[in-house]
Amino acid sequence: MKLLTDAKNKSQMVLAHLQHYGSITTWDAITQYKATRLSAIIFNLKEKGYNIESVKKNGDGCKFVEYILHEKREDAV
């Protein structure tokens, strides 16, 4: 597993976060990695074969999505 500090770009940082913590929200991505296009990063990771589930949530008067990493497919990069 890549350490969060070893990540070179925002996609790698998000992937490392998912591998370490299991999930991420847009707020996590913005505040921790300055990644404002999390849905695009998640889309690209899914295209590479990562099994990421999008779960719609409600909290503190707002709606958001939590992305949860499940086991990676065998053929994923």
PDB file of N, CA and C in Angstrom:
ATOM      1  N   MET A   1       0.839  -1.184   0.000  1.00  0.00           N
ATOM      2  CA  MET A   1       0.000   0.000   0.000  1.00  0.00           C
ATOM      3  C   MET A   1       0.881   1.243   0.000  1.00  0.00           C
ATOM      4  N   LYS A   2       0.525   2.176  -0.841  1.00  0.00           N
ATOM      5  CA  LYS A   2       1.234   3.432  -0.918  1.00  0.00           C
ATOM      6  C   LYS A   2       0.926   4.266   0.320  1.00  0.00           C
ATOM      7  N   LEU A   3       1.918   4.820   0.920  1.00  0.00           N
ATOM      8  CA  LEU A   3       1.688   5.719   2.048  1.00  0.00           C
ATOM      9  C   LEU A   3       1.174   7.050   1.530  1.00  0.00           C
ATOM     10  N   LEU A   4       0.365   7.723   2.315  1.00  0.00           N
ATOM     11  CA  LEU A   4      -0.190   9.004   1.895  1.00  0.00           C
ATOM     12  C   LEU A   4       0.906   9.993   1.528  1.00  0.00           C
ATOM     13  N   THR A   5       2.024   9.948   2.229  1.00  0.00           N
ATOM     14  CA  THR A   5       3.113  10.892   1.962  1.00  0.00           C
ATOM     15  C   THR A   5       3.895  10.539   0.702  1.00  0.00           C
ATOM     16  N   ASP A   6       3.757   9.310   0.193  1.00  0.00           N
ATOM     17  CA  ASP A   6       4.458   8.901  -1.024  1.00  0.00           C
ATOM     18  C   ASP A   6       3.700   9.273  -2.294  1.00  0.00           C
ATOM     19  N   ALA A   7       2.439   9.654  -2.180  1.00  0.00           N
ATOM     20  CA  ALA A   7       1.610   9.945  -3.345  1.00  0.00           C
ATOM     21  C   ALA A   7       2.148  11.174  -4.076  1.00  0.00           C
ATOM     22  N   LYS A   8       2.134  11.089  -5.410  1.00  0.00           N
ATOM     23  CA  LYS A   8       2.700  12.155  -6.237  1.00  0.00           C
ATOM     24  C   LYS A   8       1.649  13.126  -6.770  1.00  0.00           C
ATOM     25  N   ASN A   9       0.416  12.673  -6.942  1.00  0.00           N
ATOM     26  CA  ASN A   9      -0.623  13.560  -7.457  1.00  0.00           C
ATOM     27  C   ASN A   9      -1.923  13.318  -6.687  1.00  0.00           C
ATOM     28  N   LYS A  10      -2.947  14.092  -7.009  1.00  0.00           N
ATOM     29  CA  LYS A  10      -4.194  14.019  -6.247  1.00  0.00           C
ATOM     30  C   LYS A  10      -4.871  12.657  -6.392  1.00  0.00           C
ATOM     31  N   SER A  11      -4.810  12.062  -7.562  1.00  0.00           N
ATOM     32  CA  SER A  11      -5.403  10.733  -7.751  1.00  0.00           C
ATOM     33  C   SER A  11      -4.724   9.710  -6.858  1.00  0.00           C
ATOM     34  N   GLN A  12      -3.405   9.763  -6.787  1.00  0.00           N
ATOM     35  CA  GLN A  12      -2.664   8.842  -5.934  1.00  0.00           C
ATOM     36  C   GLN A  12      -2.955   9.106  -4.460  1.00  0.00           C
ATOM     37  N   MET A  13      -3.127  10.385  -4.098  1.00  0.00           N
ATOM     38  CA  MET A  13      -3.451  10.719  -2.713  1.00  0.00           C
ATOM     39  C   MET A  13      -4.825  10.174  -2.336  1.00  0.00           C
ATOM     40  N   VAL A  14      -5.793  10.329  -3.245  1.00  0.00           N
ATOM     41  CA  VAL A  14      -7.144   9.822  -2.976  1.00  0.00           C
ATOM     42  C   VAL A  14      -7.119   8.300  -2.876  1.00  0.00           C
ATOM     43  N   LEU A  15      -6.411   7.634  -3.789  1.00  0.00           N
ATOM     44  CA  LEU A  15      -6.318   6.179  -3.740  1.00  0.00           C
ATOM     45  C   LEU A  15      -5.655   5.719  -2.443  1.00  0.00           C
ATOM     46  N   ALA A  16      -4.581   6.372  -2.049  1.00  0.00           N
ATOM     47  CA  ALA A  16      -3.902   6.014  -0.797  1.00  0.00           C
ATOM     48  C   ALA A  16      -4.838   6.215   0.395  1.00  0.00           C
ATOM     49  N   HIS A  17      -5.618   7.287   0.369  1.00  0.00           N
ATOM     50  CA  HIS A  17      -6.585   7.547   1.438  1.00  0.00           C
ATOM     51  C   HIS A  17      -7.614   6.418   1.494  1.00  0.00           C
ATOM     52  N   LEU A  18      -8.143   6.037   0.334  1.00  0.00           N
ATOM     53  CA  LEU A  18      -9.130   4.961   0.275  1.00  0.00           C
ATOM     54  C   LEU A  18      -8.536   3.652   0.795  1.00  0.00           C
ATOM     55  N   GLN A  19      -7.311   3.371   0.417  1.00  0.00           N
ATOM     56  CA  GLN A  19      -6.672   2.128   0.854  1.00  0.00           C
ATOM     57  C   GLN A  19      -6.395   2.137   2.353  1.00  0.00           C
ATOM     58  N   HIS A  20      -6.117   3.292   2.901  1.00  0.00           N
ATOM     59  CA  HIS A  20      -5.793   3.396   4.324  1.00  0.00           C
ATOM     60  C   HIS A  20      -7.041   3.467   5.197  1.00  0.00           C
ATOM     61  N   TYR A  21      -8.007   4.324   4.804  1.00  0.00           N
ATOM     62  CA  TYR A  21      -9.186   4.573   5.635  1.00  0.00           C
ATOM     63  C   TYR A  21     -10.440   3.826   5.169  1.00  0.00           C
ATOM     64  N   GLY A  22     -10.470   3.395   3.899  1.00  0.00           N
ATOM     65  CA  GLY A  22     -11.614   2.649   3.380  1.00  0.00           C
ATOM     66  C   GLY A  22     -12.676   3.480   2.695  1.00  0.00           C
ATOM     67  N   SER A  23     -12.717   4.791   2.987  1.00  0.00           N
ATOM     68  CA  SER A  23     -13.721   5.647   2.356  1.00  0.00           C
ATOM     69  C   SER A  23     -13.228   7.089   2.326  1.00  0.00           C
ATOM     70  N   ILE A  24     -13.925   7.899   1.515  1.00  0.00           N
ATOM     71  CA  ILE A  24     -13.592   9.318   1.413  1.00  0.00           C
ATOM     72  C   ILE A  24     -14.835  10.082   0.980  1.00  0.00           C
ATOM     73  N   THR A  25     -14.937  11.326   1.420  1.00  0.00           N
ATOM     74  CA  THR A  25     -16.001  12.226   0.983  1.00  0.00           C
ATOM     75  C   THR A  25     -15.367  13.407   0.255  1.00  0.00           C
ATOM     76  N   THR A  26     -16.196  14.186  -0.411  1.00  0.00           N
ATOM     77  CA  THR A  26     -15.690  15.376  -1.098  1.00  0.00           C
ATOM     78  C   THR A  26     -15.020  16.321  -0.113  1.00  0.00           C
ATOM     79  N   TRP A  27     -15.620  16.468   1.066  1.00  0.00           N
ATOM     80  CA  TRP A  27     -15.044  17.366   2.067  1.00  0.00           C
ATOM     81  C   TRP A  27     -13.657  16.889   2.503  1.00  0.00           C
ATOM     82  N   ASP A  28     -13.504  15.569   2.681  1.00  0.00           N
ATOM     83  CA  ASP A  28     -12.186  15.018   3.011  1.00  0.00           C
ATOM     84  C   ASP A  28     -11.178  15.380   1.930  1.00  0.00           C
ATOM     85  N   ALA A  29     -11.575  15.170   0.678  1.00  0.00           N
ATOM     86  CA  ALA A  29     -10.671  15.403  -0.447  1.00  0.00           C
ATOM     87  C   ALA A  29     -10.268  16.877  -0.551  1.00  0.00           C
ATOM     88  N   ILE A  30     -11.232  17.760  -0.347  1.00  0.00           N
ATOM     89  CA  ILE A  30     -10.940  19.196  -0.443  1.00  0.00           C
ATOM     90  C   ILE A  30     -10.045  19.648   0.704  1.00  0.00           C
ATOM     91  N   THR A  31     -10.411  19.292   1.929  1.00  0.00           N
ATOM     92  CA  THR A  31      -9.676  19.807   3.081  1.00  0.00           C
ATOM     93  C   THR A  31      -8.309  19.163   3.265  1.00  0.00           C
ATOM     94  N   GLN A  32      -8.171  17.896   2.897  1.00  0.00           N
ATOM     95  CA  GLN A  32      -6.904  17.212   3.133  1.00  0.00           C
ATOM     96  C   GLN A  32      -5.954  17.240   1.940  1.00  0.00           C
ATOM     97  N   TYR A  33      -6.516  17.236   0.709  1.00  0.00           N
ATOM     98  CA  TYR A  33      -5.665  17.106  -0.478  1.00  0.00           C
ATOM     99  C   TYR A  33      -5.871  18.205  -1.506  1.00  0.00           C
ATOM    100  N   LYS A  34      -6.768  19.159  -1.214  1.00  0.00           N
ATOM    101  CA  LYS A  34      -7.110  20.227  -2.141  1.00  0.00           C
ATOM    102  C   LYS A  34      -7.595  19.676  -3.488  1.00  0.00           C
ATOM    103  N   ALA A  35      -8.227  18.514  -3.439  1.00  0.00           N
ATOM    104  CA  ALA A  35      -8.777  17.857  -4.627  1.00  0.00           C
ATOM    105  C   ALA A  35     -10.243  18.245  -4.755  1.00  0.00           C
ATOM    106  N   THR A  36     -10.567  19.104  -5.711  1.00  0.00           N
ATOM    107  CA  THR A  36     -11.924  19.614  -5.869  1.00  0.00           C
ATOM    108  C   THR A  36     -12.748  18.806  -6.867  1.00  0.00           C
ATOM    109  N   ARG A  37     -12.145  17.860  -7.564  1.00  0.00           N
ATOM    110  CA  ARG A  37     -12.866  17.064  -8.562  1.00  0.00           C
ATOM    111  C   ARG A  37     -12.854  15.586  -8.183  1.00  0.00           C
ATOM    112  N   LEU A  38     -13.317  15.302  -6.972  1.00  0.00           N
ATOM    113  CA  LEU A  38     -13.268  13.930  -6.466  1.00  0.00           C
ATOM    114  C   LEU A  38     -14.051  12.968  -7.353  1.00  0.00           C
ATOM    115  N   SER A  39     -15.206  13.377  -7.836  1.00  0.00           N
ATOM    116  CA  SER A  39     -15.998  12.459  -8.659  1.00  0.00           C
ATOM    117  C   SER A  39     -15.245  12.047  -9.920  1.00  0.00           C
ATOM    118  N   ALA A  40     -14.466  12.955 -10.500  1.00  0.00           N
ATOM    119  CA  ALA A  40     -13.663  12.620 -11.684  1.00  0.00           C
ATOM    120  C   ALA A  40     -12.532  11.659 -11.311  1.00  0.00           C
ATOM    121  N   ILE A  41     -11.915  11.874 -10.174  1.00  0.00           N
ATOM    122  CA  ILE A  41     -10.853  10.981  -9.703  1.00  0.00           C
ATOM    123  C   ILE A  41     -11.425   9.586  -9.457  1.00  0.00           C
ATOM    124  N   ILE A  42     -12.581   9.524  -8.821  1.00  0.00           N
ATOM    125  CA  ILE A  42     -13.233   8.238  -8.551  1.00  0.00           C
ATOM    126  C   ILE A  42     -13.591   7.549  -9.869  1.00  0.00           C
ATOM    127  N   PHE A  43     -14.116   8.301 -10.824  1.00  0.00           N
ATOM    128  CA  PHE A  43     -14.444   7.742 -12.139  1.00  0.00           C
ATOM    129  C   PHE A  43     -13.215   7.101 -12.768  1.00  0.00           C
ATOM    130  N   ASN A  44     -12.097   7.804 -12.741  1.00  0.00           N
ATOM    131  CA  ASN A  44     -10.863   7.280 -13.332  1.00  0.00           C
ATOM    132  C   ASN A  44     -10.357   6.040 -12.592  1.00  0.00           C
ATOM    133  N   LEU A  45     -10.472   6.036 -11.275  1.00  0.00           N
ATOM    134  CA  LEU A  45     -10.060   4.856 -10.511  1.00  0.00           C
ATOM    135  C   LEU A  45     -10.946   3.658 -10.843  1.00  0.00           C
ATOM    136  N   LYS A  46     -12.242   3.901 -11.009  1.00  0.00           N
ATOM    137  CA  LYS A  46     -13.152   2.826 -11.404  1.00  0.00           C
ATOM    138  C   LYS A  46     -12.775   2.291 -12.782  1.00  0.00           C
ATOM    139  N   GLU A  47     -12.416   3.191 -13.695  1.00  0.00           N
ATOM    140  CA  GLU A  47     -11.995   2.788 -15.044  1.00  0.00           C
ATOM    141  C   GLU A  47     -10.744   1.909 -14.995  1.00  0.00           C
ATOM    142  N   LYS A  48      -9.899   2.124 -13.993  1.00  0.00           N
ATOM    143  CA  LYS A  48      -8.682   1.317 -13.832  1.00  0.00           C
ATOM    144  C   LYS A  48      -8.963  -0.005 -13.126  1.00  0.00           C
ATOM    145  N   GLY A  49     -10.220  -0.220 -12.709  1.00  0.00           N
ATOM    146  CA  GLY A  49     -10.592  -1.497 -12.125  1.00  0.00           C
ATOM    147  C   GLY A  49     -10.819  -1.509 -10.636  1.00  0.00           C
ATOM    148  N   TYR A  50     -10.722  -0.364  -9.978  1.00  0.00           N
ATOM    149  CA  TYR A  50     -10.976  -0.325  -8.534  1.00  0.00           C
ATOM    150  C   TYR A  50     -12.475  -0.395  -8.280  1.00  0.00           C
ATOM    151  N   ASN A  51     -12.861  -1.194  -7.299  1.00  0.00           N
ATOM    152  CA  ASN A  51     -14.263  -1.395  -6.962  1.00  0.00           C
ATOM    153  C   ASN A  51     -14.648  -0.379  -5.890  1.00  0.00           C
ATOM    154  N   ILE A  52     -15.215   0.747  -6.329  1.00  0.00           N
ATOM    155  CA  ILE A  52     -15.561   1.836  -5.428  1.00  0.00           C
ATOM    156  C   ILE A  52     -17.065   2.055  -5.485  1.00  0.00           C
ATOM    157  N   GLU A  53     -17.679   2.000  -4.328  1.00  0.00           N
ATOM    158  CA  GLU A  53     -19.125   2.187  -4.213  1.00  0.00           C
ATOM    159  C   GLU A  53     -19.423   3.636  -3.829  1.00  0.00           C
ATOM    160  N   SER A  54     -20.449   4.210  -4.448  1.00  0.00           N
ATOM    161  CA  SER A  54     -20.908   5.558  -4.122  1.00  0.00           C
ATOM    162  C   SER A  54     -22.165   5.448  -3.269  1.00  0.00           C
ATOM    163  N   VAL A  55     -22.106   5.979  -2.050  1.00  0.00           N
ATOM    164  CA  VAL A  55     -23.236   5.897  -1.131  1.00  0.00           C
ATOM    165  C   VAL A  55     -23.718   7.309  -0.825  1.00  0.00           C
ATOM    166  N   LYS A  56     -24.986   7.591  -1.176  1.00  0.00           N
ATOM    167  CA  LYS A  56     -25.559   8.908  -0.892  1.00  0.00           C
ATOM    168  C   LYS A  56     -25.915   8.987   0.583  1.00  0.00           C
ATOM    169  N   LYS A  57     -25.568  10.120   1.196  1.00  0.00           N
ATOM    170  CA  LYS A  57     -25.787  10.316   2.635  1.00  0.00           C
ATOM    171  C   LYS A  57     -26.426  11.674   2.885  1.00  0.00           C
ATOM    172  N   ASN A  58     -27.019  11.816   4.059  1.00  0.00           N
ATOM    173  CA  ASN A  58     -27.564  13.090   4.534  1.00  0.00           C
ATOM    174  C   ASN A  58     -26.920  13.393   5.876  1.00  0.00           C
ATOM    175  N   GLY A  59     -26.546  14.651   6.066  1.00  0.00           N
ATOM    176  CA  GLY A  59     -25.964  15.007   7.346  1.00  0.00           C
ATOM    177  C   GLY A  59     -25.828  16.501   7.511  1.00  0.00           C
ATOM    178  N   ASP A  60     -26.112  16.993   8.683  1.00  0.00           N
ATOM    179  CA  ASP A  60     -25.992  18.418   9.002  1.00  0.00           C
ATOM    180  C   ASP A  60     -26.684  19.304   7.972  1.00  0.00           C
ATOM    181  N   GLY A  61     -27.864  18.883   7.520  1.00  0.00           N
ATOM    182  CA  GLY A  61     -28.640  19.697   6.587  1.00  0.00           C
ATOM    183  C   GLY A  61     -28.127  19.690   5.163  1.00  0.00           C
ATOM    184  N   CYS A  62     -27.236  18.775   4.823  1.00  0.00           N
ATOM    185  CA  CYS A  62     -26.734  18.712   3.449  1.00  0.00           C
ATOM    186  C   CYS A  62     -26.678  17.262   2.978  1.00  0.00           C
ATOM    187  N   LYS A  63     -26.626  17.106   1.665  1.00  0.00           N
ATOM    188  CA  LYS A  63     -26.499  15.779   1.070  1.00  0.00           C
ATOM    189  C   LYS A  63     -25.095  15.655   0.497  1.00  0.00           C
ATOM    190  N   PHE A  64     -24.524  14.460   0.596  1.00  0.00           N
ATOM    191  CA  PHE A  64     -23.192  14.236   0.063  1.00  0.00           C
ATOM    192  C   PHE A  64     -23.031  12.762  -0.280  1.00  0.00           C
ATOM    193  N   VAL A  65     -21.929  12.446  -0.944  1.00  0.00           N
ATOM    194  CA  VAL A  65     -21.634  11.069  -1.327  1.00  0.00           C
ATOM    195  C   VAL A  65     -20.376  10.625  -0.596  1.00  0.00           C
ATOM    196  N   GLU A  66     -20.435   9.419  -0.061  1.00  0.00           N
ATOM    197  CA  GLU A  66     -19.246   8.792   0.519  1.00  0.00           C
ATOM    198  C   GLU A  66     -18.812   7.692  -0.449  1.00  0.00           C
ATOM    199  N   TYR A  67     -17.552   7.711  -0.820  1.00  0.00           N
ATOM    200  CA  TYR A  67     -16.994   6.696  -1.711  1.00  0.00           C
ATOM    201  C   TYR A  67     -16.283   5.651  -0.867  1.00  0.00           C
ATOM    202  N   ILE A  68     -16.656   4.390  -1.062  1.00  0.00           N
ATOM    203  CA  ILE A  68     -16.116   3.288  -0.264  1.00  0.00           C
ATOM    204  C   ILE A  68     -15.364   2.333  -1.175  1.00  0.00           C
ATOM    205  N   LEU A  69     -14.113   2.049  -0.819  1.00  0.00           N
ATOM    206  CA  LEU A  69     -13.283   1.124  -1.600  1.00  0.00           C
ATOM    207  C   LEU A  69     -13.529  -0.296  -1.119  1.00  0.00           C
ATOM    208  N   HIS A  70     -13.882  -1.160  -2.058  1.00  0.00           N
ATOM    209  CA  HIS A  70     -14.024  -2.593  -1.782  1.00  0.00           C
ATOM    210  C   HIS A  70     -12.818  -3.283  -2.407  1.00  0.00           C
ATOM    211  N   GLU A  71     -12.757  -4.573  -2.291  1.00  0.00           N
ATOM    212  CA  GLU A  71     -11.618  -5.314  -2.842  1.00  0.00           C
ATOM    213  C   GLU A  71     -11.360  -4.935  -4.298  1.00  0.00           C
ATOM    214  N   LYS A  72     -10.100  -4.772  -4.627  1.00  0.00           N
ATOM    215  CA  LYS A  72      -9.699  -4.443  -5.987  1.00  0.00           C
ATOM    216  C   LYS A  72      -9.835  -5.667  -6.877  1.00  0.00           C
ATOM    217  N   ARG A  73     -10.295  -5.462  -8.101  1.00  0.00           N
ATOM    218  CA  ARG A  73     -10.369  -6.581  -9.045  1.00  0.00           C
ATOM    219  C   ARG A  73      -8.971  -7.070  -9.332  1.00  0.00           C
ATOM    220  N   GLU A  74      -8.857  -8.348  -9.634  1.00  0.00           N
ATOM    221  CA  GLU A  74      -7.555  -8.980  -9.903  1.00  0.00           C
ATOM    222  C   GLU A  74      -6.842  -8.330 -11.080  1.00  0.00           C
ATOM    223  N   ASP A  75      -7.572  -7.901 -12.099  1.00  0.00           N
ATOM    224  CA  ASP A  75      -6.953  -7.360 -13.303  1.00  0.00           C
ATOM    225  C   ASP A  75      -6.749  -5.845 -13.248  1.00  0.00           C
ATOM    226  N   ALA A  76      -7.047  -5.217 -12.097  1.00  0.00           N
ATOM    227  CA  ALA A  76      -6.897  -3.774 -11.963  1.00  0.00           C
ATOM    228  C   ALA A  76      -5.414  -3.405 -11.957  1.00  0.00           C
ATOM    229  N   VAL A  77      -5.136  -2.216 -12.467  1.00  0.00           N
ATOM    230  CA  VAL A  77      -3.757  -1.713 -12.553  1.00  0.00           C
ATOM    231  C   VAL A  77      -3.263  -1.311 -11.193  1.00  0.00           C
TER     232      VAL A  77
END
